[in-house]
Amino acid sequence: MQHSGTTHHDRSKKFKAPLHGGKGIPGYTYGTKEVARSPVSLKEFELLKNTILWTDEDEKYIRMSREVLEDQTDDILDVWYSFIKVEPQLAIYFSYKNDHRLNKDYMDAVRLRFKQWILDTADANYDQKWLNYQHEIALRHLTKKNQTDNVDSVEKIHFRYILALAYPLTATLKPFLAKKHTHDAEDVECMYQAWIKSVLLQVCLWSQPYVKEGDY
């Protein structure tokens, strides 16, 4: 598959992982000493990647998606948040604990990190720092929920919804991958499949604190 005279070999050179960004986002601690080491080793993560059939092509295509998505992140989040807000079983995780009213400030704070998560996912920097931060995200769904933004909300996100959200997050992304018409349909499908795999990989990592010791 070629587009605008660029070969697959050329593309694999072009789409390198960018330098990491996200500085200045409140509560965004990727790569800092505040983040504990993941209990999942890099070797175990490699086995997960093998299980989900992750390939070098997936890495290339998900990195290709960054330039497509980076100026659409707010539009993507508008879609995701509009879905979350109207589903009471999801909105409650962004609500005040006492009366379950939606806490807009909390949603806005999380949104900044969610926006950066899109870019981090597209960067696909699968090193120890990235793995550690996935564990931090997992803890913020469970034992560390509310601490980052100092809010009084429900104590945890129930795991079944983390699993279930993997579908709407990826399914709604495909139109954004195709929107600019800068890549042909086959490229778009390859980027989309890489995103599906990456989100599932991350959900697998986020599941670790929820699983009884010895069963993960």
N, C-alpha and C. Protein backbone atom coordinates (compact mmCIF):
# COMPACT_ATOMS: atom_id res chain seq x y z
N MET A 1 0.84 -1.19 0.00
CA MET A 1 0.00 0.00 0.00
C MET A 1 0.88 1.24 0.00
N GLN A 2 0.62 2.16 -0.93
CA GLN A 2 1.39 3.38 -1.01
C GLN A 2 0.45 4.57 -1.09
N HIS A 3 0.95 5.71 -0.65
CA HIS A 3 0.14 6.92 -0.66
C HIS A 3 1.08 8.10 -0.89
N SER A 4 0.79 8.89 -1.89
CA SER A 4 1.60 10.06 -2.23
C SER A 4 3.06 9.69 -2.47
N GLY A 5 3.26 8.48 -3.05
CA GLY A 5 4.61 8.08 -3.41
C GLY A 5 5.47 7.63 -2.26
N THR A 6 4.90 7.41 -1.06
CA THR A 6 5.67 7.00 0.09
C THR A 6 5.54 5.51 0.30
N THR A 7 6.64 4.81 0.45
CA THR A 7 6.60 3.36 0.62
C THR A 7 6.46 3.02 2.08
N HIS A 8 6.10 1.74 2.35
CA HIS A 8 6.03 1.26 3.72
C HIS A 8 7.36 1.43 4.42
N HIS A 9 8.45 1.16 3.70
CA HIS A 9 9.78 1.26 4.31
C HIS A 9 10.04 2.70 4.74
N ASP A 10 9.68 3.66 3.87
CA ASP A 10 9.87 5.06 4.22
C ASP A 10 9.04 5.44 5.43
N ARG A 11 7.81 4.95 5.47
CA ARG A 11 6.91 5.31 6.57
C ARG A 11 7.44 4.81 7.90
N SER A 12 8.00 3.62 7.92
CA SER A 12 8.49 3.07 9.17
C SER A 12 9.61 3.94 9.74
N LYS A 13 10.35 4.63 8.84
CA LYS A 13 11.37 5.56 9.31
C LYS A 13 10.74 6.86 9.78
N LYS A 14 9.68 7.27 9.12
CA LYS A 14 9.08 8.57 9.40
C LYS A 14 8.39 8.62 10.75
N PHE A 15 7.65 7.56 11.10
CA PHE A 15 6.80 7.62 12.27
C PHE A 15 7.52 7.10 13.50
N LYS A 16 8.39 7.93 14.04
CA LYS A 16 9.09 7.62 15.27
C LYS A 16 8.27 8.16 16.45
N ALA A 17 8.51 7.59 17.63
CA ALA A 17 7.81 8.09 18.81
C ALA A 17 8.29 9.49 19.13
N PRO A 18 7.38 10.47 19.27
CA PRO A 18 7.78 11.84 19.57
C PRO A 18 8.33 11.95 20.98
N LEU A 19 9.00 13.05 21.25
CA LEU A 19 9.41 13.33 22.61
C LEU A 19 8.18 13.50 23.47
N HIS A 20 8.29 13.09 24.71
CA HIS A 20 7.10 13.10 25.56
C HIS A 20 6.71 14.51 25.95
N GLY A 21 5.41 14.79 25.94
CA GLY A 21 4.90 16.11 26.30
C GLY A 21 4.04 16.03 27.54
N GLY A 22 3.09 16.97 27.64
CA GLY A 22 2.14 16.94 28.73
C GLY A 22 2.54 17.72 29.96
N LYS A 23 3.66 18.44 29.90
CA LYS A 23 4.10 19.20 31.07
C LYS A 23 3.10 20.31 31.39
N GLY A 24 2.90 20.54 32.67
CA GLY A 24 2.02 21.61 33.10
C GLY A 24 0.58 21.20 33.31
N ILE A 25 0.24 19.95 33.03
CA ILE A 25 -1.12 19.47 33.25
C ILE A 25 -1.24 19.04 34.71
N PRO A 26 -2.14 19.64 35.48
CA PRO A 26 -2.28 19.27 36.89
C PRO A 26 -2.56 17.78 37.07
N GLY A 27 -1.78 17.15 37.93
CA GLY A 27 -1.98 15.74 38.22
C GLY A 27 -1.38 14.78 37.21
N TYR A 28 -0.72 15.32 36.20
CA TYR A 28 -0.12 14.46 35.17
C TYR A 28 1.32 14.18 35.58
N THR A 29 1.60 12.97 36.03
CA THR A 29 2.88 12.65 36.65
C THR A 29 3.68 11.60 35.88
N TYR A 30 3.37 11.43 34.63
CA TYR A 30 4.09 10.48 33.76
C TYR A 30 5.60 10.75 33.84
N GLY A 31 6.36 9.70 34.14
CA GLY A 31 7.81 9.82 34.12
C GLY A 31 8.43 10.47 35.34
N THR A 32 7.63 10.76 36.37
CA THR A 32 8.16 11.40 37.57
C THR A 32 8.38 10.38 38.68
N LYS A 33 9.07 10.83 39.74
CA LYS A 33 9.33 9.96 40.88
C LYS A 33 8.08 9.71 41.72
N GLU A 34 7.02 10.46 41.46
CA GLU A 34 5.76 10.26 42.18
C GLU A 34 5.08 8.95 41.79
N VAL A 35 5.47 8.40 40.67
CA VAL A 35 4.81 7.21 40.13
C VAL A 35 5.56 5.96 40.57
N ALA A 36 4.84 5.03 41.18
CA ALA A 36 5.46 3.78 41.64
C ALA A 36 5.74 2.85 40.46
N ARG A 37 6.63 1.93 40.68
CA ARG A 37 6.96 0.95 39.65
C ARG A 37 5.79 -0.01 39.45
N SER A 38 5.51 -0.32 38.22
CA SER A 38 4.42 -1.24 37.91
C SER A 38 4.74 -2.65 38.42
N PRO A 39 3.75 -3.34 38.99
CA PRO A 39 3.97 -4.74 39.38
C PRO A 39 4.03 -5.67 38.17
N VAL A 40 3.64 -5.16 37.01
CA VAL A 40 3.74 -5.92 35.76
C VAL A 40 5.10 -5.63 35.14
N SER A 41 5.87 -6.65 34.89
CA SER A 41 7.20 -6.46 34.32
C SER A 41 7.12 -6.21 32.82
N LEU A 42 8.19 -5.66 32.27
CA LEU A 42 8.25 -5.46 30.83
C LEU A 42 8.16 -6.79 30.09
N LYS A 43 8.73 -7.83 30.67
CA LYS A 43 8.64 -9.16 30.05
C LYS A 43 7.19 -9.63 30.01
N GLU A 44 6.47 -9.44 31.12
CA GLU A 44 5.06 -9.83 31.16
C GLU A 44 4.24 -9.00 30.19
N PHE A 45 4.61 -7.73 30.05
CA PHE A 45 3.91 -6.87 29.10
C PHE A 45 4.15 -7.34 27.67
N GLU A 46 5.37 -7.78 27.38
CA GLU A 46 5.66 -8.31 26.04
C GLU A 46 4.79 -9.53 25.74
N LEU A 47 4.56 -10.36 26.75
CA LEU A 47 3.70 -11.52 26.55
C LEU A 47 2.26 -11.10 26.28
N LEU A 48 1.81 -10.03 26.95
CA LEU A 48 0.48 -9.49 26.66
C LEU A 48 0.40 -9.00 25.22
N LYS A 49 1.44 -8.28 24.79
CA LYS A 49 1.48 -7.78 23.41
C LYS A 49 1.43 -8.94 22.42
N ASN A 50 2.17 -9.98 22.71
CA ASN A 50 2.15 -11.15 21.82
C ASN A 50 0.77 -11.79 21.78
N THR A 51 0.12 -11.83 22.93
CA THR A 51 -1.20 -12.45 23.02
C THR A 51 -2.24 -11.68 22.22
N ILE A 52 -2.10 -10.36 22.20
CA ILE A 52 -3.07 -9.53 21.48
C ILE A 52 -2.67 -9.32 20.02
N LEU A 53 -1.58 -10.00 19.62
CA LEU A 53 -1.07 -9.96 18.24
C LEU A 53 -0.55 -8.58 17.85
N TRP A 54 0.07 -7.90 18.80
CA TRP A 54 0.68 -6.60 18.52
C TRP A 54 1.94 -6.80 17.68
N THR A 55 2.08 -5.99 16.63
CA THR A 55 3.21 -6.11 15.72
C THR A 55 3.90 -4.77 15.53
N ASP A 56 5.04 -4.80 14.84
CA ASP A 56 5.73 -3.55 14.49
C ASP A 56 4.85 -2.68 13.60
N GLU A 57 4.03 -3.31 12.77
CA GLU A 57 3.10 -2.55 11.92
C GLU A 57 2.10 -1.78 12.77
N ASP A 58 1.61 -2.41 13.84
CA ASP A 58 0.69 -1.71 14.74
C ASP A 58 1.36 -0.49 15.35
N GLU A 59 2.61 -0.67 15.77
CA GLU A 59 3.34 0.44 16.36
C GLU A 59 3.50 1.58 15.35
N LYS A 60 3.81 1.22 14.13
CA LYS A 60 3.96 2.23 13.08
C LYS A 60 2.65 2.98 12.84
N TYR A 61 1.56 2.24 12.75
CA TYR A 61 0.29 2.87 12.41
C TYR A 61 -0.31 3.66 13.56
N ILE A 62 -0.10 3.21 14.79
CA ILE A 62 -0.64 4.00 15.89
C ILE A 62 0.13 5.31 16.03
N ARG A 63 1.43 5.27 15.73
CA ARG A 63 2.21 6.51 15.74
C ARG A 63 1.81 7.41 14.57
N MET A 64 1.45 6.81 13.46
CA MET A 64 0.93 7.57 12.34
C MET A 64 -0.33 8.34 12.74
N SER A 65 -1.12 7.75 13.63
CA SER A 65 -2.39 8.37 14.01
C SER A 65 -2.21 9.65 14.81
N ARG A 66 -1.03 9.85 15.37
CA ARG A 66 -0.85 11.02 16.23
C ARG A 66 -1.07 12.32 15.47
N GLU A 67 -0.44 12.44 14.30
CA GLU A 67 -0.58 13.67 13.54
C GLU A 67 -2.01 13.87 13.04
N VAL A 68 -2.74 12.77 12.91
CA VAL A 68 -4.14 12.86 12.48
C VAL A 68 -5.02 13.34 13.62
N LEU A 69 -4.72 12.89 14.83
CA LEU A 69 -5.61 13.13 15.97
C LEU A 69 -5.23 14.32 16.84
N GLU A 70 -3.97 14.77 16.78
CA GLU A 70 -3.50 15.71 17.79
C GLU A 70 -4.26 17.03 17.82
N ASP A 71 -4.80 17.48 16.69
CA ASP A 71 -5.59 18.71 16.71
C ASP A 71 -7.10 18.43 16.74
N GLN A 72 -7.46 17.17 16.99
CA GLN A 72 -8.87 16.80 17.10
C GLN A 72 -9.23 16.29 18.50
N THR A 73 -8.28 16.38 19.42
CA THR A 73 -8.50 15.76 20.73
C THR A 73 -9.70 16.36 21.47
N ASP A 74 -9.91 17.66 21.35
CA ASP A 74 -11.07 18.26 22.02
C ASP A 74 -12.38 17.76 21.43
N ASP A 75 -12.42 17.61 20.12
CA ASP A 75 -13.63 17.08 19.48
C ASP A 75 -13.88 15.63 19.89
N ILE A 76 -12.81 14.86 19.98
CA ILE A 76 -12.94 13.47 20.42
C ILE A 76 -13.50 13.42 21.84
N LEU A 77 -12.95 14.26 22.70
CA LEU A 77 -13.40 14.26 24.10
C LEU A 77 -14.82 14.77 24.23
N ASP A 78 -15.23 15.67 23.36
CA ASP A 78 -16.64 16.10 23.36
C ASP A 78 -17.56 14.91 23.13
N VAL A 79 -17.17 14.04 22.20
CA VAL A 79 -17.97 12.84 21.92
C VAL A 79 -17.97 11.91 23.12
N TRP A 80 -16.80 11.64 23.65
CA TRP A 80 -16.71 10.71 24.79
C TRP A 80 -17.45 11.25 26.01
N TYR A 81 -17.26 12.53 26.31
CA TYR A 81 -17.90 13.11 27.50
C TYR A 81 -19.41 13.20 27.33
N SER A 82 -19.87 13.47 26.12
CA SER A 82 -21.32 13.55 25.92
C SER A 82 -21.97 12.20 26.20
N PHE A 83 -21.26 11.13 25.90
CA PHE A 83 -21.75 9.79 26.19
C PHE A 83 -21.74 9.51 27.69
N ILE A 84 -20.64 9.86 28.34
CA ILE A 84 -20.52 9.60 29.78
C ILE A 84 -21.55 10.38 30.58
N LYS A 85 -21.78 11.63 30.20
CA LYS A 85 -22.70 12.49 30.97
C LYS A 85 -24.13 11.98 30.98
N VAL A 86 -24.56 11.34 29.91
CA VAL A 86 -25.97 10.92 29.82
C VAL A 86 -26.19 9.50 30.32
N GLU A 87 -25.12 8.83 30.70
CA GLU A 87 -25.25 7.48 31.25
C GLU A 87 -25.04 7.56 32.76
N PRO A 88 -26.11 7.47 33.56
CA PRO A 88 -25.98 7.66 35.01
C PRO A 88 -24.95 6.75 35.66
N GLN A 89 -24.84 5.53 35.18
CA GLN A 89 -23.90 4.57 35.76
C GLN A 89 -22.45 4.99 35.52
N LEU A 90 -22.21 5.89 34.56
CA LEU A 90 -20.88 6.42 34.30
C LEU A 90 -20.69 7.80 34.91
N ALA A 91 -21.71 8.63 34.79
CA ALA A 91 -21.63 10.00 35.30
C ALA A 91 -21.38 10.04 36.80
N ILE A 92 -21.84 9.02 37.50
CA ILE A 92 -21.69 9.01 38.96
C ILE A 92 -20.23 9.07 39.39
N TYR A 93 -19.33 8.59 38.55
CA TYR A 93 -17.92 8.59 38.91
C TYR A 93 -17.30 9.99 38.84
N PHE A 94 -18.03 10.93 38.27
CA PHE A 94 -17.60 12.33 38.23
C PHE A 94 -18.52 13.21 39.08
N SER A 95 -19.24 12.61 39.99
CA SER A 95 -20.24 13.34 40.76
C SER A 95 -19.76 13.62 42.18
N TYR A 96 -20.49 14.53 42.85
CA TYR A 96 -20.28 14.74 44.27
C TYR A 96 -20.83 13.52 45.02
N LYS A 97 -20.12 13.11 46.05
CA LYS A 97 -20.51 11.90 46.76
C LYS A 97 -21.84 12.05 47.49
N ASN A 98 -22.10 13.24 48.04
CA ASN A 98 -23.27 13.38 48.91
C ASN A 98 -24.59 13.42 48.15
N ASP A 99 -24.62 14.07 46.98
CA ASP A 99 -25.89 14.20 46.27
C ASP A 99 -25.83 13.73 44.81
N HIS A 100 -24.66 13.27 44.38
CA HIS A 100 -24.47 12.70 43.04
C HIS A 100 -24.69 13.72 41.92
N ARG A 101 -24.58 15.02 42.25
CA ARG A 101 -24.58 16.03 41.19
C ARG A 101 -23.25 15.95 40.45
N LEU A 102 -23.30 16.21 39.15
CA LEU A 102 -22.09 16.16 38.34
C LEU A 102 -21.14 17.28 38.77
N ASN A 103 -19.89 16.93 38.99
CA ASN A 103 -18.86 17.89 39.39
C ASN A 103 -18.11 18.33 38.13
N LYS A 104 -18.50 19.47 37.59
CA LYS A 104 -17.92 19.94 36.32
C LYS A 104 -16.42 20.21 36.46
N ASP A 105 -16.01 20.77 37.59
CA ASP A 105 -14.59 21.05 37.78
C ASP A 105 -13.77 19.76 37.75
N TYR A 106 -14.31 18.73 38.35
CA TYR A 106 -13.64 17.42 38.35
C TYR A 106 -13.54 16.87 36.93
N MET A 107 -14.62 16.95 36.18
CA MET A 107 -14.61 16.48 34.80
C MET A 107 -13.61 17.25 33.95
N ASP A 108 -13.53 18.56 34.18
CA ASP A 108 -12.60 19.39 33.41
C ASP A 108 -11.15 19.04 33.73
N ALA A 109 -10.87 18.77 35.01
CA ALA A 109 -9.51 18.42 35.41
C ALA A 109 -9.09 17.09 34.79
N VAL A 110 -9.99 16.13 34.84
CA VAL A 110 -9.70 14.82 34.25
C VAL A 110 -9.56 14.94 32.73
N ARG A 111 -10.34 15.82 32.15
CA ARG A 111 -10.33 15.99 30.69
C ARG A 111 -8.94 16.36 30.18
N LEU A 112 -8.24 17.21 30.90
CA LEU A 112 -6.90 17.61 30.48
C LEU A 112 -5.97 16.40 30.39
N ARG A 113 -6.07 15.52 31.37
CA ARG A 113 -5.22 14.32 31.36
C ARG A 113 -5.72 13.31 30.34
N PHE A 114 -7.02 13.25 30.15
CA PHE A 114 -7.61 12.36 29.15
C PHE A 114 -7.13 12.77 27.75
N LYS A 115 -7.07 14.08 27.54
CA LYS A 115 -6.58 14.60 26.26
C LYS A 115 -5.13 14.16 26.02
N GLN A 116 -4.32 14.27 27.07
CA GLN A 116 -2.92 13.84 26.94
C GLN A 116 -2.82 12.33 26.77
N TRP A 117 -3.77 11.60 27.36
CA TRP A 117 -3.76 10.14 27.21
C TRP A 117 -3.92 9.74 25.74
N ILE A 118 -4.72 10.48 24.99
CA ILE A 118 -4.86 10.19 23.56
C ILE A 118 -3.50 10.29 22.87
N LEU A 119 -2.77 11.35 23.18
CA LEU A 119 -1.46 11.55 22.56
C LEU A 119 -0.45 10.51 23.04
N ASP A 120 -0.49 10.20 24.33
CA ASP A 120 0.42 9.18 24.86
C ASP A 120 0.16 7.82 24.21
N THR A 121 -1.11 7.50 24.01
CA THR A 121 -1.45 6.24 23.37
C THR A 121 -0.91 6.21 21.95
N ALA A 122 -1.05 7.32 21.24
CA ALA A 122 -0.56 7.39 19.87
C ALA A 122 0.97 7.38 19.80
N ASP A 123 1.63 7.88 20.84
CA ASP A 123 3.10 7.85 20.86
C ASP A 123 3.65 6.44 20.98
N ALA A 124 2.92 5.57 21.69
CA ALA A 124 3.31 4.16 21.85
C ALA A 124 4.75 4.00 22.34
N ASN A 125 5.10 4.75 23.38
CA ASN A 125 6.41 4.60 24.01
C ASN A 125 6.33 3.53 25.08
N TYR A 126 6.46 2.29 24.69
CA TYR A 126 6.23 1.18 25.62
C TYR A 126 7.49 0.85 26.42
N ASP A 127 7.90 1.79 27.25
CA ASP A 127 9.07 1.58 28.10
C ASP A 127 8.62 1.48 29.56
N GLN A 128 9.58 1.44 30.48
CA GLN A 128 9.25 1.28 31.89
C GLN A 128 8.44 2.46 32.42
N LYS A 129 8.77 3.67 31.99
CA LYS A 129 8.03 4.85 32.46
C LYS A 129 6.56 4.77 32.04
N TRP A 130 6.34 4.36 30.80
CA TRP A 130 4.96 4.22 30.32
C TRP A 130 4.23 3.15 31.11
N LEU A 131 4.89 2.01 31.33
CA LEU A 131 4.28 0.91 32.07
C LEU A 131 3.94 1.34 33.50
N ASN A 132 4.85 2.08 34.12
CA ASN A 132 4.60 2.58 35.48
C ASN A 132 3.38 3.49 35.51
N TYR A 133 3.25 4.33 34.49
CA TYR A 133 2.13 5.28 34.50
C TYR A 133 0.80 4.57 34.25
N GLN A 134 0.81 3.48 33.53
CA GLN A 134 -0.43 2.70 33.39
C GLN A 134 -0.89 2.18 34.75
N HIS A 135 0.07 1.79 35.58
CA HIS A 135 -0.29 1.34 36.93
C HIS A 135 -0.85 2.51 37.75
N GLU A 136 -0.26 3.68 37.58
CA GLU A 136 -0.78 4.87 38.27
C GLU A 136 -2.21 5.16 37.84
N ILE A 137 -2.48 5.08 36.55
CA ILE A 137 -3.85 5.28 36.06
C ILE A 137 -4.79 4.26 36.69
N ALA A 138 -4.33 3.02 36.75
CA ALA A 138 -5.16 1.96 37.35
C ALA A 138 -5.50 2.28 38.80
N LEU A 139 -4.51 2.72 39.56
CA LEU A 139 -4.74 3.06 40.96
C LEU A 139 -5.71 4.24 41.10
N ARG A 140 -5.65 5.17 40.15
CA ARG A 140 -6.56 6.32 40.21
C ARG A 140 -8.00 5.93 39.89
N HIS A 141 -8.18 4.76 39.33
CA HIS A 141 -9.54 4.24 39.14
C HIS A 141 -10.05 3.57 40.41
N LEU A 142 -9.14 3.25 41.32
CA LEU A 142 -9.50 2.41 42.46
C LEU A 142 -9.03 3.06 43.78
N THR A 143 -7.90 2.63 44.31
CA THR A 143 -7.50 3.06 45.65
C THR A 143 -7.07 4.52 45.73
N LYS A 144 -6.65 5.12 44.63
CA LYS A 144 -6.23 6.52 44.64
C LYS A 144 -7.24 7.45 43.98
N LYS A 145 -8.44 6.93 43.71
CA LYS A 145 -9.46 7.79 43.09
C LYS A 145 -9.74 8.99 43.99
N ASN A 146 -9.91 10.14 43.38
CA ASN A 146 -10.24 11.42 44.04
C ASN A 146 -9.02 12.13 44.62
N GLN A 147 -7.91 11.41 44.85
CA GLN A 147 -6.76 12.04 45.49
C GLN A 147 -6.08 13.06 44.59
N THR A 148 -5.96 12.75 43.32
CA THR A 148 -5.23 13.63 42.40
C THR A 148 -5.85 15.01 42.33
N ASP A 149 -7.19 15.06 42.29
CA ASP A 149 -7.89 16.34 42.17
C ASP A 149 -8.54 16.79 43.47
N ASN A 150 -8.28 16.05 44.55
CA ASN A 150 -8.78 16.41 45.88
C ASN A 150 -10.28 16.68 45.86
N VAL A 151 -11.03 15.70 45.37
CA VAL A 151 -12.48 15.84 45.28
C VAL A 151 -13.17 14.83 46.19
N ASP A 152 -14.42 15.11 46.51
CA ASP A 152 -15.23 14.22 47.33
C ASP A 152 -16.24 13.54 46.42
N SER A 153 -15.84 12.42 45.87
CA SER A 153 -16.68 11.68 44.94
C SER A 153 -16.74 10.22 45.38
N VAL A 154 -17.40 9.39 44.60
CA VAL A 154 -17.45 7.96 44.93
C VAL A 154 -16.04 7.40 44.95
N GLU A 155 -15.84 6.35 45.75
CA GLU A 155 -14.50 5.90 46.09
C GLU A 155 -13.76 5.17 44.98
N LYS A 156 -14.47 4.61 44.01
CA LYS A 156 -13.80 3.81 42.99
C LYS A 156 -14.66 3.74 41.74
N ILE A 157 -14.02 3.41 40.64
CA ILE A 157 -14.73 3.09 39.40
C ILE A 157 -14.86 1.58 39.34
N HIS A 158 -16.07 1.10 39.20
CA HIS A 158 -16.28 -0.34 39.16
C HIS A 158 -15.68 -0.91 37.87
N PHE A 159 -15.00 -2.03 38.03
CA PHE A 159 -14.18 -2.56 36.94
C PHE A 159 -14.98 -2.91 35.70
N ARG A 160 -16.21 -3.35 35.87
CA ARG A 160 -17.00 -3.75 34.70
C ARG A 160 -17.16 -2.61 33.70
N TYR A 161 -17.20 -1.37 34.19
CA TYR A 161 -17.37 -0.24 33.28
C TYR A 161 -16.06 0.13 32.59
N ILE A 162 -14.93 -0.12 33.23
CA ILE A 162 -13.65 0.09 32.56
C ILE A 162 -13.54 -0.84 31.36
N LEU A 163 -13.93 -2.08 31.57
CA LEU A 163 -13.93 -3.04 30.46
C LEU A 163 -14.89 -2.61 29.36
N ALA A 164 -16.11 -2.27 29.75
CA ALA A 164 -17.15 -1.96 28.77
C ALA A 164 -16.82 -0.72 27.96
N LEU A 165 -16.15 0.25 28.57
CA LEU A 165 -15.85 1.51 27.87
C LEU A 165 -14.81 1.34 26.76
N ALA A 166 -14.10 0.23 26.76
CA ALA A 166 -13.11 0.02 25.70
C ALA A 166 -13.76 0.07 24.33
N TYR A 167 -15.00 -0.40 24.23
CA TYR A 167 -15.65 -0.39 22.91
C TYR A 167 -16.03 1.01 22.45
N PRO A 168 -16.82 1.79 23.22
CA PRO A 168 -17.18 3.12 22.71
C PRO A 168 -15.98 4.03 22.48
N LEU A 169 -14.94 3.90 23.30
CA LEU A 169 -13.76 4.75 23.10
C LEU A 169 -13.10 4.48 21.76
N THR A 170 -13.05 3.22 21.36
CA THR A 170 -12.40 2.90 20.08
C THR A 170 -13.35 3.05 18.90
N ALA A 171 -14.59 2.64 19.07
CA ALA A 171 -15.55 2.68 17.95
C ALA A 171 -15.79 4.11 17.47
N THR A 172 -15.83 5.05 18.40
CA THR A 172 -16.09 6.45 18.04
C THR A 172 -14.86 7.15 17.48
N LEU A 173 -13.71 6.49 17.55
CA LEU A 173 -12.47 7.12 17.10
C LEU A 173 -12.29 7.04 15.58
N LYS A 174 -12.84 6.02 14.97
CA LYS A 174 -12.58 5.79 13.55
C LYS A 174 -12.95 6.98 12.66
N PRO A 175 -14.10 7.64 12.86
CA PRO A 175 -14.41 8.80 12.01
C PRO A 175 -13.36 9.90 12.10
N PHE A 176 -12.73 10.04 13.27
CA PHE A 176 -11.69 11.06 13.41
C PHE A 176 -10.41 10.66 12.68
N LEU A 177 -10.13 9.38 12.64
CA LEU A 177 -8.96 8.91 11.89
C LEU A 177 -9.13 9.13 10.39
N ALA A 178 -10.37 9.11 9.93
CA ALA A 178 -10.66 9.25 8.50
C ALA A 178 -10.98 10.69 8.10
N LYS A 179 -11.20 11.56 9.05
CA LYS A 179 -11.79 12.87 8.79
C LYS A 179 -10.96 13.75 7.86
N LYS A 180 -9.64 13.72 8.01
CA LYS A 180 -8.79 14.64 7.26
C LYS A 180 -8.54 14.20 5.82
N HIS A 181 -8.84 12.98 5.50
CA HIS A 181 -8.60 12.42 4.16
C HIS A 181 -7.13 12.52 3.76
N THR A 182 -6.24 12.46 4.75
CA THR A 182 -4.80 12.51 4.45
C THR A 182 -4.22 11.12 4.26
N HIS A 183 -5.00 10.10 4.59
CA HIS A 183 -4.56 8.72 4.43
C HIS A 183 -5.66 7.93 3.76
N ASP A 184 -5.26 6.92 3.01
CA ASP A 184 -6.26 6.12 2.31
C ASP A 184 -7.01 5.21 3.29
N ALA A 185 -8.04 4.55 2.79
CA ALA A 185 -8.91 3.74 3.65
C ALA A 185 -8.16 2.62 4.34
N GLU A 186 -7.18 2.07 3.67
CA GLU A 186 -6.42 0.97 4.28
C GLU A 186 -5.56 1.46 5.43
N ASP A 187 -4.96 2.64 5.26
CA ASP A 187 -4.21 3.24 6.36
C ASP A 187 -5.11 3.50 7.56
N VAL A 188 -6.29 4.05 7.29
CA VAL A 188 -7.24 4.36 8.37
C VAL A 188 -7.60 3.09 9.13
N GLU A 189 -7.87 2.03 8.41
CA GLU A 189 -8.22 0.76 9.06
C GLU A 189 -7.06 0.23 9.89
N CYS A 190 -5.85 0.36 9.38
CA CYS A 190 -4.68 -0.10 10.14
C CYS A 190 -4.47 0.72 11.40
N MET A 191 -4.67 2.03 11.32
CA MET A 191 -4.58 2.87 12.51
C MET A 191 -5.65 2.49 13.52
N TYR A 192 -6.84 2.25 13.01
CA TYR A 192 -7.97 1.89 13.87
C TYR A 192 -7.72 0.57 14.58
N GLN A 193 -7.24 -0.43 13.88
CA GLN A 193 -6.96 -1.73 14.49
C GLN A 193 -5.86 -1.60 15.54
N ALA A 194 -4.86 -0.77 15.28
CA ALA A 194 -3.80 -0.55 16.26
C ALA A 194 -4.35 0.09 17.52
N TRP A 195 -5.29 1.02 17.36
CA TRP A 195 -5.91 1.66 18.52
C TRP A 195 -6.73 0.65 19.33
N ILE A 196 -7.46 -0.20 18.66
CA ILE A 196 -8.23 -1.23 19.38
C ILE A 196 -7.30 -2.08 20.24
N LYS A 197 -6.19 -2.51 19.64
CA LYS A 197 -5.25 -3.35 20.38
C LYS A 197 -4.63 -2.58 21.55
N SER A 198 -4.26 -1.34 21.32
CA SER A 198 -3.61 -0.56 22.37
C SER A 198 -4.54 -0.31 23.55
N VAL A 199 -5.79 0.04 23.26
CA VAL A 199 -6.74 0.27 24.35
C VAL A 199 -6.97 -1.02 25.14
N LEU A 200 -7.08 -2.13 24.45
CA LEU A 200 -7.25 -3.41 25.15
C LEU A 200 -6.02 -3.75 26.00
N LEU A 201 -4.85 -3.47 25.48
CA LEU A 201 -3.63 -3.67 26.26
C LEU A 201 -3.66 -2.85 27.54
N GLN A 202 -4.07 -1.59 27.42
CA GLN A 202 -4.10 -0.73 28.59
C GLN A 202 -5.17 -1.17 29.59
N VAL A 203 -6.31 -1.60 29.10
CA VAL A 203 -7.34 -2.11 29.99
C VAL A 203 -6.83 -3.34 30.74
N CYS A 204 -6.07 -4.19 30.05
CA CYS A 204 -5.47 -5.34 30.73
C CYS A 204 -4.55 -4.89 31.86
N LEU A 205 -3.77 -3.85 31.62
CA LEU A 205 -2.87 -3.34 32.66
C LEU A 205 -3.66 -2.67 33.78
N TRP A 206 -4.71 -1.94 33.43
CA TRP A 206 -5.52 -1.27 34.46
C TRP A 206 -6.28 -2.26 35.33
N SER A 207 -6.41 -3.48 34.86
CA SER A 207 -7.15 -4.48 35.63
C SER A 207 -6.35 -5.02 36.81
N GLN A 208 -5.03 -4.84 36.80
CA GLN A 208 -4.18 -5.50 37.78
C GLN A 208 -4.59 -5.23 39.23
N PRO A 209 -4.83 -3.97 39.65
CA PRO A 209 -5.19 -3.75 41.05
C PRO A 209 -6.55 -4.33 41.45
N TYR A 210 -7.38 -4.61 40.47
CA TYR A 210 -8.71 -5.15 40.76
C TYR A 210 -8.69 -6.67 40.98
N VAL A 211 -7.63 -7.31 40.55
CA VAL A 211 -7.59 -8.77 40.54
C VAL A 211 -6.90 -9.28 41.80
N LYS A 212 -7.46 -10.31 42.40
CA LYS A 212 -6.90 -10.91 43.60
C LYS A 212 -5.46 -11.35 43.35
N GLU A 213 -4.60 -11.10 44.33
CA GLU A 213 -3.19 -11.45 44.19
C GLU A 213 -3.04 -12.92 43.84
N GLY A 214 -2.24 -13.17 42.83
CA GLY A 214 -2.01 -14.53 42.38
C GLY A 214 -2.89 -14.94 41.21
N ASP A 215 -3.95 -14.16 40.96
CA ASP A 215 -4.87 -14.49 39.86
C ASP A 215 -4.62 -13.67 38.61
N TYR A 216 -3.84 -12.59 38.73
CA TYR A 216 -3.63 -11.72 37.57
C TYR A 216 -2.80 -12.43 36.50
